[in-house]
Each structure stands twice: as C-alpha cells, then as structure tokens.
Amino acid sequence: MSARSQTLHHPSTTGGVQTRLPWWALALPTLAFIVLLALMLNPTHAQAASDPAITHLFERIQQLVAR
C-alpha cells in the first residue's frame, strides 16, 4: 500500500539568507597551498622532506615542471 505525499499549497520562499564569502576566504587557502607546494618542489628549503625517496620524487617533479 503506498502512502500519499503531502503537497504544499504555497510556494517556498526564495528570498533567504545569502551568504557571501569575503575575498580572503578563498585567497588565503590558495596562497597557503601554493607556498607549501613551492616548498615541496624545492627540497633544499623543505627540511621536513628528509626521506631520500620523497626528495628524489620532488626533484623529478621539479625537473618535469621546469621543462
């Protein structure tokens, strides 16, 4: 037996709260991502990448990007 769904007789209001992000809400995470990526691509400045395999991988990526 199927149940009947209720239908609304009045349309829903479209005028609600509009949320707008400020410019820095997108710019700061993008800037942080670019800075961290640049540190990873230049292994001489990124001391956290002390594993030789990771360092070699990032050096290869840097060489491919430079081409």
C-alpha atoms as a PDB file:
ATOM      1  CA  MET A   1       0.000   0.000   0.000  1.00  0.00           C
ATOM      2  CA  SER A   2       1.534   3.315  -0.993  1.00  0.00           C
ATOM      3  CA  ALA A   3       1.263   6.393   1.153  1.00  0.00           C
ATOM      4  CA  ARG A   4       0.248   9.705  -0.366  1.00  0.00           C
ATOM      5  CA  SER A   5       2.743  12.524  -0.034  1.00  0.00           C
ATOM      6  CA  GLN A   6       1.541  15.863   1.180  1.00  0.00           C
ATOM      7  CA  THR A   7       1.579  18.678  -1.315  1.00  0.00           C
ATOM      8  CA  LEU A   8       2.295  22.239  -0.296  1.00  0.00           C
ATOM      9  CA  HIS A   9      -0.225  24.777  -1.493  1.00  0.00           C
ATOM     10  CA  HIS A  10       2.077  27.768  -1.079  1.00  0.00           C
ATOM     11  CA  PRO A  11       5.393  28.058  -2.916  1.00  0.00           C
ATOM     12  CA  SER A  12       8.545  28.117  -0.859  1.00  0.00           C
ATOM     13  CA  THR A  13      10.174  31.478  -0.441  1.00  0.00           C
ATOM     14  CA  THR A  14      13.309  32.050  -2.479  1.00  0.00           C
ATOM     15  CA  GLY A  15      14.378  35.142  -0.566  1.00  0.00           C
ATOM     16  CA  GLY A  16      16.502  33.697   2.194  1.00  0.00           C
ATOM     17  CA  VAL A  17      19.813  34.405   3.758  1.00  0.00           C
ATOM     18  CA  GLN A  18      22.513  34.960   1.204  1.00  0.00           C
ATOM     19  CA  THR A  19      25.986  34.025   2.311  1.00  0.00           C
ATOM     20  CA  ARG A  20      28.881  35.577   0.512  1.00  0.00           C
ATOM     21  CA  LEU A  21      32.459  34.756   1.283  1.00  0.00           C
ATOM     22  CA  PRO A  22      34.941  37.571   1.641  1.00  0.00           C
ATOM     23  CA  TRP A  23      37.811  37.627  -0.865  1.00  0.00           C
ATOM     24  CA  TRP A  24      40.338  36.373   1.664  1.00  0.00           C
ATOM     25  CA  ALA A  25      38.315  33.254   2.454  1.00  0.00           C
ATOM     26  CA  LEU A  26      39.404  31.838  -0.887  1.00  0.00           C
ATOM     27  CA  ALA A  27      42.688  33.701  -1.332  1.00  0.00           C
ATOM     28  CA  LEU A  28      44.373  32.609   1.915  1.00  0.00           C
ATOM     29  CA  PRO A  29      43.947  28.837   1.493  1.00  0.00           C
ATOM     30  CA  THR A  30      45.029  29.164  -2.141  1.00  0.00           C
ATOM     31  CA  LEU A  31      48.114  31.126  -1.129  1.00  0.00           C
ATOM     32  CA  ALA A  32      48.949  28.605   1.602  1.00  0.00           C
ATOM     33  CA  PHE A  33      48.615  25.735  -0.880  1.00  0.00           C
ATOM     34  CA  ILE A  34      50.906  27.450  -3.386  1.00  0.00           C
ATOM     35  CA  VAL A  35      53.528  28.223  -0.730  1.00  0.00           C
ATOM     36  CA  LEU A  36      53.513  24.658   0.585  1.00  0.00           C
ATOM     37  CA  LEU A  37      53.713  23.263  -2.936  1.00  0.00           C
ATOM     38  CA  ALA A  38      56.656  25.541  -3.712  1.00  0.00           C
ATOM     39  CA  LEU A  39      58.431  24.372  -0.547  1.00  0.00           C
ATOM     40  CA  MET A  40      57.879  20.771  -1.517  1.00  0.00           C
ATOM     41  CA  LEU A  41      59.128  21.297  -5.054  1.00  0.00           C
ATOM     42  CA  ASN A  42      62.329  22.893  -3.790  1.00  0.00           C
ATOM     43  CA  PRO A  43      63.717  20.209  -1.440  1.00  0.00           C
ATOM     44  CA  THR A  44      66.658  22.340  -0.302  1.00  0.00           C
ATOM     45  CA  HIS A  45      64.249  24.598   1.610  1.00  0.00           C
ATOM     46  CA  ALA A  46      61.849  21.901   2.765  1.00  0.00           C
ATOM     47  CA  GLN A  47      63.604  20.274   5.693  1.00  0.00           C
ATOM     48  CA  ALA A  48      60.562  18.171   6.566  1.00  0.00           C
ATOM     49  CA  ALA A  49      61.090  16.063   3.433  1.00  0.00           C
ATOM     50  CA  SER A  50      64.100  14.231   4.809  1.00  0.00           C
ATOM     51  CA  ASP A  51      63.214  10.869   3.234  1.00  0.00           C
ATOM     52  CA  PRO A  52      65.505  10.367   0.210  1.00  0.00           C
ATOM     53  CA  ALA A  53      62.727   8.759  -1.836  1.00  0.00           C
ATOM     54  CA  ILE A  54      60.390  11.712  -1.305  1.00  0.00           C
ATOM     55  CA  THR A  55      63.199  14.161  -2.024  1.00  0.00           C
ATOM     56  CA  HIS A  56      64.030  12.314  -5.241  1.00  0.00           C
ATOM     57  CA  LEU A  57      60.362  12.315  -6.263  1.00  0.00           C
ATOM     58  CA  PHE A  58      60.038  16.056  -5.741  1.00  0.00           C
ATOM     59  CA  GLU A  59      63.265  16.693  -7.642  1.00  0.00           C
ATOM     60  CA  ARG A  60      61.840  14.735 -10.575  1.00  0.00           C
ATOM     61  CA  ILE A  61      58.581  16.702 -10.392  1.00  0.00           C
ATOM     62  CA  GLN A  62      60.557  19.948 -10.338  1.00  0.00           C
ATOM     63  CA  GLN A  63      62.524  18.858 -13.412  1.00  0.00           C
ATOM     64  CA  LEU A  64      59.323  17.968 -15.271  1.00  0.00           C
ATOM     65  CA  VAL A  65      57.700  21.290 -14.384  1.00  0.00           C
ATOM     66  CA  ALA A  66      60.795  23.212 -15.486  1.00  0.00           C
ATOM     67  CA  ARG A  67      60.664  21.701 -18.996  1.00  0.00           C
END
